[in-house]
Amino acid sequence: MKMLNNKNIVFFDGDCGFCNFWVQWILEHDRRDQFLFSSLQSEFGQKFLSSRGLETSQFNTLYLLKPDGKYLDKSRAVLEIAKILGGIYSVFRIGIVLPGALRDLLYDIISRNRMKISSQKCFLPDQNQKKKFIETDPFNSLLQ
């Protein structure tokens, strides 16, 4: 993981307009250049899922891979992203007071309805943002 300069990697549903909106939002607010991104459908995303024994054909969960190799999912990933962004966004960490099961229930409700919530507009990153997206494993053993 050190080869990626200690970045946090956000794995998301690349076919979901709602997910793409939030990826774009993170990109715009990542002032300290702490995140990289990979769709779950990409070769890299599939390798991440399979190397951890996770479902490889369902893309309704957001994952955050930390530089130490540990990952968070669902509401834990969302809250950690807010924490990493820091500043005003860290206020969203107040959600930690809710039990994890309740947070994930809310996450699952939104996830089930995400295709209805947002249009399927395709996000096109600019040249600088493109550098933050990983489609294939650049080191061929990164996730092992």
Protein backbone atom coordinates (compact mmCIF):
# COMPACT_ATOMS: atom_id res chain seq x y z
CA MET A 1 0.00 0.00 0.00
CA LYS A 2 2.89 2.38 0.55
CA MET A 3 3.33 2.52 -3.21
CA LEU A 4 0.14 4.57 -3.37
CA ASN A 5 1.60 7.25 -1.09
CA ASN A 6 -0.55 6.30 1.88
CA LYS A 7 -3.80 7.19 0.11
CA ASN A 8 -7.24 6.04 1.19
CA ILE A 9 -9.04 4.24 -1.64
CA VAL A 10 -12.79 4.66 -2.06
CA PHE A 11 -14.46 1.73 -3.85
CA PHE A 12 -17.88 2.65 -5.28
CA ASP A 13 -20.55 1.54 -7.76
CA GLY A 14 -19.30 3.01 -11.03
CA ASP A 15 -22.73 2.65 -12.68
CA CYS A 16 -24.60 4.61 -10.01
CA GLY A 17 -25.30 8.32 -10.54
CA PHE A 18 -25.77 8.84 -6.80
CA CYS A 19 -22.42 7.20 -6.05
CA ASN A 20 -20.70 9.18 -8.80
CA PHE A 21 -22.13 12.41 -7.35
CA TRP A 22 -20.52 11.63 -3.98
CA VAL A 23 -17.21 10.64 -5.58
CA GLN A 24 -17.20 13.99 -7.36
CA TRP A 25 -18.06 15.72 -4.07
CA ILE A 26 -15.15 14.02 -2.28
CA LEU A 27 -12.81 14.97 -5.14
CA GLU A 28 -13.82 18.61 -4.84
CA HIS A 29 -13.37 18.67 -1.05
CA ASP A 30 -10.19 16.57 -0.80
CA ARG A 31 -7.95 19.58 -0.24
CA ARG A 32 -5.11 17.48 1.19
CA ASP A 33 -5.11 14.92 -1.65
CA GLN A 34 -5.86 11.93 0.59
CA PHE A 35 -8.12 9.82 -1.63
CA LEU A 36 -7.97 7.63 -4.69
CA PHE A 37 -11.01 5.99 -6.27
CA SER A 38 -11.90 2.74 -7.99
CA SER A 39 -15.23 1.45 -9.21
CA LEU A 40 -16.20 -1.92 -7.83
CA GLN A 41 -16.76 -3.11 -11.41
CA SER A 42 -13.16 -2.37 -12.45
CA GLU A 43 -10.42 -4.99 -12.46
CA PHE A 44 -8.91 -3.36 -9.38
CA GLY A 45 -12.30 -3.20 -7.62
CA GLN A 46 -13.01 -6.85 -8.39
CA LYS A 47 -9.58 -7.84 -7.10
CA PHE A 48 -10.24 -5.90 -3.88
CA LEU A 49 -13.57 -7.68 -3.38
CA SER A 50 -12.37 -11.18 -4.20
CA SER A 51 -9.16 -10.88 -2.16
CA ARG A 52 -11.32 -10.21 0.90
CA GLY A 53 -13.99 -12.80 0.20
CA LEU A 54 -16.61 -10.13 -0.52
CA GLU A 55 -19.48 -10.38 -3.01
CA THR A 56 -18.17 -9.58 -6.51
CA SER A 57 -21.46 -9.05 -8.34
CA GLN A 58 -23.36 -6.76 -5.93
CA PHE A 59 -22.19 -3.14 -5.87
CA ASN A 60 -24.47 -1.62 -3.23
CA THR A 61 -21.77 -1.07 -0.62
CA LEU A 62 -19.17 1.67 -0.39
CA TYR A 63 -15.76 0.54 0.86
CA LEU A 64 -12.87 2.60 2.15
CA LEU A 65 -9.47 0.90 2.04
CA LYS A 66 -7.09 2.50 4.53
CA PRO A 67 -3.34 2.78 3.87
CA ASP A 68 -2.72 0.07 6.50
CA GLY A 69 -4.73 -2.44 4.42
CA LYS A 70 -7.82 -2.47 6.66
CA TYR A 71 -11.13 -1.55 5.13
CA LEU A 72 -14.40 -0.06 6.33
CA ASP A 73 -17.79 -0.40 4.72
CA LYS A 74 -21.17 1.31 4.63
CA SER A 75 -21.73 3.91 7.35
CA ARG A 76 -18.32 3.32 8.91
CA ALA A 77 -16.70 4.21 5.58
CA VAL A 78 -18.85 7.34 5.21
CA LEU A 79 -18.01 8.56 8.72
CA GLU A 80 -14.31 7.87 8.22
CA ILE A 81 -14.30 9.80 4.94
CA ALA A 82 -15.82 12.77 6.78
CA LYS A 83 -13.16 12.46 9.47
CA ILE A 84 -10.33 12.31 6.93
CA LEU A 85 -11.66 15.32 5.03
CA GLY A 86 -11.63 17.16 8.35
CA GLY A 87 -12.68 20.73 8.90
CA ILE A 88 -16.40 21.38 8.77
CA TYR A 89 -17.01 17.90 7.32
CA SER A 90 -15.85 16.23 10.50
CA VAL A 91 -19.11 17.45 12.09
CA PHE A 92 -20.79 14.52 10.32
CA ARG A 93 -18.86 12.25 12.68
CA ILE A 94 -21.61 12.99 15.18
CA GLY A 95 -23.37 10.07 13.47
CA ILE A 96 -21.04 7.80 15.44
CA VAL A 97 -23.36 8.21 18.43
CA LEU A 98 -25.95 6.08 16.62
CA PRO A 99 -25.55 2.32 16.96
CA GLY A 100 -23.76 0.80 13.98
CA ALA A 101 -26.74 -1.42 13.16
CA LEU A 102 -29.04 1.62 12.92
CA ARG A 103 -26.52 3.57 10.83
CA ASP A 104 -26.15 0.63 8.45
CA LEU A 105 -29.93 0.19 8.25
CA LEU A 106 -30.21 3.83 7.10
CA TYR A 107 -27.29 3.25 4.72
CA ASP A 108 -29.02 0.16 3.26
CA ILE A 109 -32.29 2.06 2.73
CA ILE A 110 -30.46 4.76 0.82
CA SER A 111 -28.43 2.16 -1.08
CA ARG A 112 -31.56 0.28 -2.20
CA ASN A 113 -33.07 3.52 -3.50
CA ARG A 114 -29.92 5.18 -4.84
CA MET A 115 -30.85 4.65 -8.50
CA LYS A 116 -34.11 6.54 -7.90
CA ILE A 117 -32.44 9.32 -5.90
CA SER A 118 -30.06 10.51 -8.59
CA SER A 119 -30.07 10.54 -12.34
CA GLN A 120 -27.64 8.32 -14.17
CA LYS A 121 -25.48 11.21 -15.30
CA CYS A 122 -22.00 10.10 -16.16
CA PHE A 123 -19.27 11.84 -14.20
CA LEU A 124 -16.32 12.83 -16.34
CA PRO A 125 -13.25 13.69 -14.28
CA ASP A 126 -10.85 16.36 -15.49
CA GLN A 127 -7.18 15.49 -16.22
CA ASN A 128 -6.03 16.01 -12.60
CA GLN A 129 -8.93 14.00 -11.22
CA LYS A 130 -8.30 11.13 -13.66
CA LYS A 131 -4.99 10.53 -11.89
CA LYS A 132 -6.95 9.59 -8.76
CA PHE A 133 -8.81 6.68 -10.36
CA ILE A 134 -7.44 3.13 -10.34
CA GLU A 135 -8.84 0.69 -12.88
CA THR A 136 -6.17 -2.01 -12.83
CA ASP A 137 -3.74 -3.03 -10.12
CA PRO A 138 -0.65 -1.01 -11.02
CA PHE A 139 1.63 -3.23 -8.95
CA ASN A 140 -0.03 -6.57 -9.69
CA SER A 141 0.07 -7.59 -6.03
CA LEU A 142 -1.26 -4.53 -4.26
CA LEU A 143 -4.28 -6.23 -2.75
CA GLN A 144 -2.80 -9.61 -1.87
